[in-house]
């Protein structure tokens, strides 16, 4: 949802640049609106870099591969 920004925190402006980012932001708005109408307390978490299946992009998969192949691991951002 943050677009091309490399330095984000909870106060950063949303500026999605992909369909995925727009969809995530739209779904957050649906939850927000529904909860406000129904007077429900809510919390939206923006998970990044989740792990699953045979991914090669997540922090977890990069750590596993670095350990498995005795390679270097660098965490950016």
PDB file of N, CA and C in Angstrom:
ATOM      1  N   UNK A   1       0.801  -1.207   0.000  1.00  0.00           N
ATOM      2  CA  UNK A   1       0.000   0.000   0.000  1.00  0.00           C
ATOM      3  C   UNK A   1       0.842   1.269   0.000  1.00  0.00           C
ATOM      4  N   UNK A   2       2.131   1.142   0.266  1.00  0.00           N
ATOM      5  CA  UNK A   2       2.979   2.337   0.372  1.00  0.00           C
ATOM      6  C   UNK A   2       3.624   2.741  -0.949  1.00  0.00           C
ATOM      7  N   UNK A   3       3.502   1.937  -1.973  1.00  0.00           N
ATOM      8  CA  UNK A   3       4.099   2.291  -3.252  1.00  0.00           C
ATOM      9  C   UNK A   3       5.585   2.023  -3.285  1.00  0.00           C
ATOM     10  N   UNK A   4       6.343   2.953  -3.824  1.00  0.00           N
ATOM     11  CA  UNK A   4       7.775   2.748  -4.010  1.00  0.00           C
ATOM     12  C   UNK A   4       8.612   3.167  -2.813  1.00  0.00           C
ATOM     13  N   UNK A   5       8.000   3.607  -1.740  1.00  0.00           N
ATOM     14  CA  UNK A   5       8.738   4.069  -0.577  1.00  0.00           C
ATOM     15  C   UNK A   5       9.557   2.946   0.038  1.00  0.00           C
ATOM     16  N   UNK A   6      10.789   3.254   0.420  1.00  0.00           N
ATOM     17  CA  UNK A   6      11.652   2.261   1.063  1.00  0.00           C
ATOM     18  C   UNK A   6      11.694   2.449   2.567  1.00  0.00           C
ATOM     19  N   UNK A   7      11.242   3.586   3.051  1.00  0.00           N
ATOM     20  CA  UNK A   7      11.246   3.870   4.487  1.00  0.00           C
ATOM     21  C   UNK A   7       9.834   4.202   4.925  1.00  0.00           C
ATOM     22  N   UNK A   8       9.165   3.234   5.518  1.00  0.00           N
ATOM     23  CA  UNK A   8       7.783   3.434   5.914  1.00  0.00           C
ATOM     24  C   UNK A   8       7.583   3.116   7.389  1.00  0.00           C
ATOM     25  N   UNK A   9       6.578   3.723   7.945  1.00  0.00           N
ATOM     26  CA  UNK A   9       6.114   3.380   9.281  1.00  0.00           C
ATOM     27  C   UNK A   9       4.608   3.565   9.294  1.00  0.00           C
ATOM     28  N   UNK A  10       3.992   3.400  10.453  1.00  0.00           N
ATOM     29  CA  UNK A  10       2.538   3.449  10.540  1.00  0.00           C
ATOM     30  C   UNK A  10       1.954   4.793  10.111  1.00  0.00           C
ATOM     31  N   UNK A  11       2.737   5.855  10.166  1.00  0.00           N
ATOM     32  CA  UNK A  11       2.237   7.183   9.800  1.00  0.00           C
ATOM     33  C   UNK A  11       2.482   7.524   8.329  1.00  0.00           C
ATOM     34  N   UNK A  12       3.146   6.651   7.600  1.00  0.00           N
ATOM     35  CA  UNK A  12       3.459   6.920   6.190  1.00  0.00           C
ATOM     36  C   UNK A  12       2.182   6.974   5.349  1.00  0.00           C
ATOM     37  N   UNK A  13       2.209   7.816   4.338  1.00  0.00           N
ATOM     38  CA  UNK A  13       1.071   7.944   3.425  1.00  0.00           C
ATOM     39  C   UNK A  13       0.965   6.717   2.533  1.00  0.00           C
ATOM     40  N   UNK A  14      -0.261   6.344   2.229  1.00  0.00           N
ATOM     41  CA  UNK A  14      -0.499   5.239   1.308  1.00  0.00           C
ATOM     42  C   UNK A  14      -0.489   5.774  -0.118  1.00  0.00           C
ATOM     43  N   UNK A  15       0.215   5.069  -0.977  1.00  0.00           N
ATOM     44  CA  UNK A  15       0.309   5.454  -2.382  1.00  0.00           C
ATOM     45  C   UNK A  15       0.514   4.188  -3.210  1.00  0.00           C
ATOM     46  N   UNK A  16      -0.496   3.297  -3.236  1.00  0.00           N
ATOM     47  CA  UNK A  16      -0.326   2.032  -3.945  1.00  0.00           C
ATOM     48  C   UNK A  16      -0.080   2.242  -5.433  1.00  0.00           C
ATOM     49  N   UNK A  17       0.772   1.396  -6.006  1.00  0.00           N
ATOM     50  CA  UNK A  17       1.097   1.509  -7.428  1.00  0.00           C
ATOM     51  C   UNK A  17       0.750   0.244  -8.202  1.00  0.00           C
ATOM     52  N   UNK A  18       0.236  -0.756  -7.509  1.00  0.00           N
ATOM     53  CA  UNK A  18      -0.117  -2.006  -8.181  1.00  0.00           C
ATOM     54  C   UNK A  18      -1.548  -2.385  -7.817  1.00  0.00           C
ATOM     55  N   UNK A  19      -2.105  -3.306  -8.573  1.00  0.00           N
ATOM     56  CA  UNK A  19      -3.447  -3.801  -8.277  1.00  0.00           C
ATOM     57  C   UNK A  19      -3.453  -4.440  -6.892  1.00  0.00           C
ATOM     58  N   UNK A  20      -2.403  -5.150  -6.542  1.00  0.00           N
ATOM     59  CA  UNK A  20      -2.300  -5.780  -5.227  1.00  0.00           C
ATOM     60  C   UNK A  20      -2.363  -4.723  -4.124  1.00  0.00           C
ATOM     61  N   UNK A  21      -1.611  -3.647  -4.261  1.00  0.00           N
ATOM     62  CA  UNK A  21      -1.610  -2.581  -3.266  1.00  0.00           C
ATOM     63  C   UNK A  21      -2.956  -1.897  -3.156  1.00  0.00           C
ATOM     64  N   UNK A  22      -3.579  -1.628  -4.295  1.00  0.00           N
ATOM     65  CA  UNK A  22      -4.904  -1.004  -4.295  1.00  0.00           C
ATOM     66  C   UNK A  22      -5.936  -1.917  -3.639  1.00  0.00           C
ATOM     67  N   UNK A  23      -5.856  -3.210  -3.922  1.00  0.00           N
ATOM     68  CA  UNK A  23      -6.795  -4.170  -3.346  1.00  0.00           C
ATOM     69  C   UNK A  23      -6.632  -4.258  -1.833  1.00  0.00           C
ATOM     70  N   UNK A  24      -5.381  -4.292  -1.363  1.00  0.00           N
ATOM     71  CA  UNK A  24      -5.146  -4.331   0.080  1.00  0.00           C
ATOM     72  C   UNK A  24      -5.724  -3.091   0.765  1.00  0.00           C
ATOM     73  N   UNK A  25      -5.466  -1.930   0.190  1.00  0.00           N
ATOM     74  CA  UNK A  25      -5.960  -0.690   0.769  1.00  0.00           C
ATOM     75  C   UNK A  25      -7.493  -0.637   0.734  1.00  0.00           C
ATOM     76  N   UNK A  26      -8.089  -1.086  -0.353  1.00  0.00           N
ATOM     77  CA  UNK A  26      -9.547  -1.126  -0.485  1.00  0.00           C
ATOM     78  C   UNK A  26     -10.154  -2.030   0.588  1.00  0.00           C
ATOM     79  N   UNK A  27      -9.547  -3.193   0.812  1.00  0.00           N
ATOM     80  CA  UNK A  27     -10.049  -4.110   1.840  1.00  0.00           C
ATOM     81  C   UNK A  27      -9.917  -3.524   3.233  1.00  0.00           C
ATOM     82  N   UNK A  28      -8.848  -2.797   3.486  1.00  0.00           N
ATOM     83  CA  UNK A  28      -8.704  -2.116   4.771  1.00  0.00           C
ATOM     84  C   UNK A  28      -9.837  -1.115   4.975  1.00  0.00           C
ATOM     85  N   UNK A  29     -10.177  -0.389   3.922  1.00  0.00           N
ATOM     86  CA  UNK A  29     -11.246   0.611   3.994  1.00  0.00           C
ATOM     87  C   UNK A  29     -12.595  -0.048   4.254  1.00  0.00           C
ATOM     88  N   UNK A  30     -12.844  -1.204   3.655  1.00  0.00           N
ATOM     89  CA  UNK A  30     -14.087  -1.942   3.897  1.00  0.00           C
ATOM     90  C   UNK A  30     -14.185  -2.324   5.374  1.00  0.00           C
ATOM     91  N   UNK A  31     -13.103  -2.862   5.929  1.00  0.00           N
ATOM     92  CA  UNK A  31     -13.096  -3.241   7.347  1.00  0.00           C
ATOM     93  C   UNK A  31     -13.314  -2.014   8.223  1.00  0.00           C
ATOM     94  N   UNK A  32     -12.588  -0.938   7.914  1.00  0.00           N
ATOM     95  CA  UNK A  32     -12.712   0.306   8.695  1.00  0.00           C
ATOM     96  C   UNK A  32     -14.149   0.826   8.681  1.00  0.00           C
ATOM     97  N   UNK A  33     -14.732   0.925   7.498  1.00  0.00           N
ATOM     98  CA  UNK A  33     -16.096   1.448   7.382  1.00  0.00           C
ATOM     99  C   UNK A  33     -17.108   0.560   8.114  1.00  0.00           C
ATOM    100  N   UNK A  34     -17.015  -0.743   7.917  1.00  0.00           N
ATOM    101  CA  UNK A  34     -17.940  -1.664   8.572  1.00  0.00           C
ATOM    102  C   UNK A  34     -17.841  -1.557  10.089  1.00  0.00           C
ATOM    103  N   UNK A  35     -16.618  -1.549  10.598  1.00  0.00           N
ATOM    104  CA  UNK A  35     -16.416  -1.492  12.048  1.00  0.00           C
ATOM    105  C   UNK A  35     -16.907  -0.177  12.643  1.00  0.00           C
ATOM    106  N   UNK A  36     -16.736   0.906  11.915  1.00  0.00           N
ATOM    107  CA  UNK A  36     -17.241   2.183  12.409  1.00  0.00           C
ATOM    108  C   UNK A  36     -18.766   2.194  12.446  1.00  0.00           C
ATOM    109  N   UNK A  37     -19.396   1.676  11.412  1.00  0.00           N
ATOM    110  CA  UNK A  37     -20.864   1.621  11.352  1.00  0.00           C
ATOM    111  C   UNK A  37     -21.415   0.745  12.469  1.00  0.00           C
ATOM    112  N   UNK A  38     -20.770  -0.380  12.724  1.00  0.00           N
ATOM    113  CA  UNK A  38     -21.249  -1.343  13.722  1.00  0.00           C
ATOM    114  C   UNK A  38     -20.673  -1.103  15.115  1.00  0.00           C
ATOM    115  N   UNK A  39     -19.883  -0.038  15.261  1.00  0.00           N
ATOM    116  CA  UNK A  39     -19.269   0.295  16.548  1.00  0.00           C
ATOM    117  C   UNK A  39     -18.419  -0.861  17.094  1.00  0.00           C
ATOM    118  N   UNK A  40     -17.550  -1.384  16.232  1.00  0.00           N
ATOM    119  CA  UNK A  40     -16.666  -2.494  16.576  1.00  0.00           C
ATOM    120  C   UNK A  40     -15.235  -1.970  16.626  1.00  0.00           C
ATOM    121  N   UNK A  41     -14.537  -2.272  17.700  1.00  0.00           N
ATOM    122  CA  UNK A  41     -13.115  -1.939  17.769  1.00  0.00           C
ATOM    123  C   UNK A  41     -12.364  -2.835  16.787  1.00  0.00           C
ATOM    124  N   UNK A  42     -11.396  -2.280  16.102  1.00  0.00           N
ATOM    125  CA  UNK A  42     -10.646  -3.062  15.127  1.00  0.00           C
ATOM    126  C   UNK A  42      -9.196  -2.610  15.088  1.00  0.00           C
ATOM    127  N   UNK A  43      -8.378  -3.456  14.525  1.00  0.00           N
ATOM    128  CA  UNK A  43      -6.966  -3.173  14.327  1.00  0.00           C
ATOM    129  C   UNK A  43      -6.560  -3.796  13.010  1.00  0.00           C
ATOM    130  N   UNK A  44      -5.954  -3.013  12.150  1.00  0.00           N
ATOM    131  CA  UNK A  44      -5.495  -3.522  10.858  1.00  0.00           C
ATOM    132  C   UNK A  44      -3.981  -3.658  10.921  1.00  0.00           C
ATOM    133  N   UNK A  45      -3.499  -4.847  10.615  1.00  0.00           N
ATOM    134  CA  UNK A  45      -2.067  -5.107  10.574  1.00  0.00           C
ATOM    135  C   UNK A  45      -1.642  -5.253   9.126  1.00  0.00           C
ATOM    136  N   UNK A  46      -0.567  -4.595   8.763  1.00  0.00           N
ATOM    137  CA  UNK A  46      -0.044  -4.711   7.408  1.00  0.00           C
ATOM    138  C   UNK A  46       1.176  -5.624   7.437  1.00  0.00           C
ATOM    139  N   UNK A  47       0.913  -6.890   7.226  1.00  0.00           N
ATOM    140  CA  UNK A  47       1.988  -7.868   7.218  1.00  0.00           C
ATOM    141  C   UNK A  47       2.761  -7.742   5.919  1.00  0.00           C
ATOM    142  N   UNK A  48       4.043  -7.844   6.012  1.00  0.00           N
ATOM    143  CA  UNK A  48       4.862  -7.800   4.814  1.00  0.00           C
ATOM    144  C   UNK A  48       5.727  -9.038   4.775  1.00  0.00           C
ATOM    145  N   UNK A  49       6.064  -9.421   3.593  1.00  0.00           N
ATOM    146  CA  UNK A  49       7.041 -10.474   3.409  1.00  0.00           C
ATOM    147  C   UNK A  49       6.668 -11.758   4.134  1.00  0.00           C
ATOM    148  N   UNK A  50       5.427 -12.196   3.976  1.00  0.00           N
ATOM    149  CA  UNK A  50       5.001 -13.424   4.634  1.00  0.00           C
ATOM    150  C   UNK A  50       5.631 -14.642   3.957  1.00  0.00           C
ATOM    151  N   UNK A  51       5.603 -15.748   4.635  1.00  0.00           N
ATOM    152  CA  UNK A  51       6.264 -16.961   4.160  1.00  0.00           C
ATOM    153  C   UNK A  51       5.243 -18.029   3.867  1.00  0.00           C
ATOM    154  N   UNK A  52       5.483 -18.779   2.823  1.00  0.00           N
ATOM    155  CA  UNK A  52       4.611 -19.914   2.548  1.00  0.00           C
ATOM    156  C   UNK A  52       4.968 -20.598   1.258  1.00  0.00           C
ATOM    157  N   UNK A  53       4.714 -21.867   1.219  1.00  0.00           N
ATOM    158  CA  UNK A  53       4.956 -22.630  -0.002  1.00  0.00           C
ATOM    159  C   UNK A  53       6.414 -22.632  -0.418  1.00  0.00           C
ATOM    160  N   UNK A  54       6.633 -22.408  -1.681  1.00  0.00           N
ATOM    161  CA  UNK A  54       7.988 -22.442  -2.242  1.00  0.00           C
ATOM    162  C   UNK A  54       8.472 -21.043  -2.611  1.00  0.00           C
ATOM    163  N   UNK A  55       8.111 -20.061  -1.808  1.00  0.00           N
ATOM    164  CA  UNK A  55       8.495 -18.693  -2.159  1.00  0.00           C
ATOM    165  C   UNK A  55      10.008 -18.513  -2.086  1.00  0.00           C
ATOM    166  N   UNK A  56      10.493 -17.550  -2.806  1.00  0.00           N
ATOM    167  CA  UNK A  56      11.929 -17.229  -2.801  1.00  0.00           C
ATOM    168  C   UNK A  56      12.162 -15.773  -2.425  1.00  0.00           C
ATOM    169  N   UNK A  57      11.111 -15.093  -1.973  1.00  0.00           N
ATOM    170  CA  UNK A  57      11.215 -13.654  -1.717  1.00  0.00           C
ATOM    171  C   UNK A  57      11.118 -13.274  -0.244  1.00  0.00           C
ATOM    172  N   UNK A  58      10.613 -14.150   0.600  1.00  0.00           N
ATOM    173  CA  UNK A  58      10.389 -13.765   1.990  1.00  0.00           C
ATOM    174  C   UNK A  58      11.678 -13.809   2.810  1.00  0.00           C
ATOM    175  N   UNK A  59      11.650 -13.085   3.909  1.00  0.00           N
ATOM    176  CA  UNK A  59      12.798 -13.072   4.822  1.00  0.00           C
ATOM    177  C   UNK A  59      13.085 -14.492   5.309  1.00  0.00           C
ATOM    178  N   UNK A  60      12.034 -15.223   5.653  1.00  0.00           N
ATOM    179  CA  UNK A  60      12.209 -16.584   6.161  1.00  0.00           C
ATOM    180  C   UNK A  60      12.876 -17.476   5.122  1.00  0.00           C
ATOM    181  N   UNK A  61      12.408 -17.428   3.885  1.00  0.00           N
ATOM    182  CA  UNK A  61      13.006 -18.286   2.849  1.00  0.00           C
ATOM    183  C   UNK A  61      14.451 -17.887   2.586  1.00  0.00           C
ATOM    184  N   UNK A  62      14.762 -16.601   2.647  1.00  0.00           N
ATOM    185  CA  UNK A  62      16.146 -16.156   2.448  1.00  0.00           C
ATOM    186  C   UNK A  62      17.043 -16.628   3.592  1.00  0.00           C
ATOM    187  N   UNK A  63      16.522 -16.601   4.830  1.00  0.00           N
ATOM    188  CA  UNK A  63      17.284 -17.121   5.967  1.00  0.00           C
ATOM    189  C   UNK A  63      17.526 -18.626   5.833  1.00  0.00           C
ATOM    190  N   UNK A  64      16.497 -19.352   5.453  1.00  0.00           N
ATOM    191  CA  UNK A  64      16.622 -20.801   5.277  1.00  0.00           C
ATOM    192  C   UNK A  64      17.657 -21.117   4.215  1.00  0.00           C
ATOM    193  N   UNK A  65      17.587 -20.421   3.072  1.00  0.00           N
ATOM    194  CA  UNK A  65      18.540 -20.676   1.994  1.00  0.00           C
ATOM    195  C   UNK A  65      19.962 -20.289   2.372  1.00  0.00           C
ATOM    196  N   UNK A  66      20.113 -19.199   3.110  1.00  0.00           N
ATOM    197  CA  UNK A  66      21.457 -18.796   3.552  1.00  0.00           C
ATOM    198  C   UNK A  66      22.049 -19.861   4.465  1.00  0.00           C
ATOM    199  N   UNK A  67      21.246 -20.390   5.378  1.00  0.00           N
ATOM    200  CA  UNK A  67      21.732 -21.437   6.274  1.00  0.00           C
ATOM    201  C   UNK A  67      21.981 -22.738   5.517  1.00  0.00           C
ATOM    202  N   UNK A  68      21.067 -23.079   4.635  1.00  0.00           N
ATOM    203  CA  UNK A  68      21.156 -24.337   3.883  1.00  0.00           C
ATOM    204  C   UNK A  68      22.386 -24.379   2.989  1.00  0.00           C
ATOM    205  N   UNK A  69      22.667 -23.262   2.329  1.00  0.00           N
ATOM    206  CA  UNK A  69      23.790 -23.218   1.378  1.00  0.00           C
ATOM    207  C   UNK A  69      25.001 -22.477   1.936  1.00  0.00           C
ATOM    208  N   UNK A  70      24.946 -22.208   3.248  1.00  0.00           N
ATOM    209  CA  UNK A  70      26.043 -21.494   3.928  1.00  0.00           C
ATOM    210  C   UNK A  70      26.396 -20.197   3.210  1.00  0.00           C
ATOM    211  N   UNK A  71      25.357 -19.488   2.833  1.00  0.00           N
ATOM    212  CA  UNK A  71      25.520 -18.230   2.107  1.00  0.00           C
ATOM    213  C   UNK A  71      25.328 -17.027   3.006  1.00  0.00           C
ATOM    214  N   UNK A  72      25.412 -15.876   2.407  1.00  0.00           N
ATOM    215  CA  UNK A  72      25.260 -14.619   3.124  1.00  0.00           C
ATOM    216  C   UNK A  72      23.789 -14.228   3.173  1.00  0.00           C
ATOM    217  N   UNK A  73      23.401 -13.619   4.293  1.00  0.00           N
ATOM    218  CA  UNK A  73      22.047 -13.096   4.426  1.00  0.00           C
ATOM    219  C   UNK A  73      22.134 -11.614   4.723  1.00  0.00           C
ATOM    220  N   UNK A  74      21.441 -10.799   3.919  1.00  0.00           N
ATOM    221  CA  UNK A  74      21.399  -9.358   4.130  1.00  0.00           C
ATOM    222  C   UNK A  74      19.946  -8.930   4.246  1.00  0.00           C
ATOM    223  N   UNK A  75      19.632  -8.222   5.314  1.00  0.00           N
ATOM    224  CA  UNK A  75      18.288  -7.707   5.510  1.00  0.00           C
ATOM    225  C   UNK A  75      18.280  -6.233   5.162  1.00  0.00           C
ATOM    226  N   UNK A  76      17.414  -5.839   4.224  1.00  0.00           N
ATOM    227  CA  UNK A  76      17.310  -4.452   3.795  1.00  0.00           C
ATOM    228  C   UNK A  76      15.956  -3.927   4.238  1.00  0.00           C
ATOM    229  N   UNK A  77      15.978  -2.713   4.818  1.00  0.00           N
ATOM    230  CA  UNK A  77      14.759  -2.032   5.275  1.00  0.00           C
ATOM    231  C   UNK A  77      14.181  -2.741   6.464  1.00  0.00           C
TER     232      UNK A  77
END
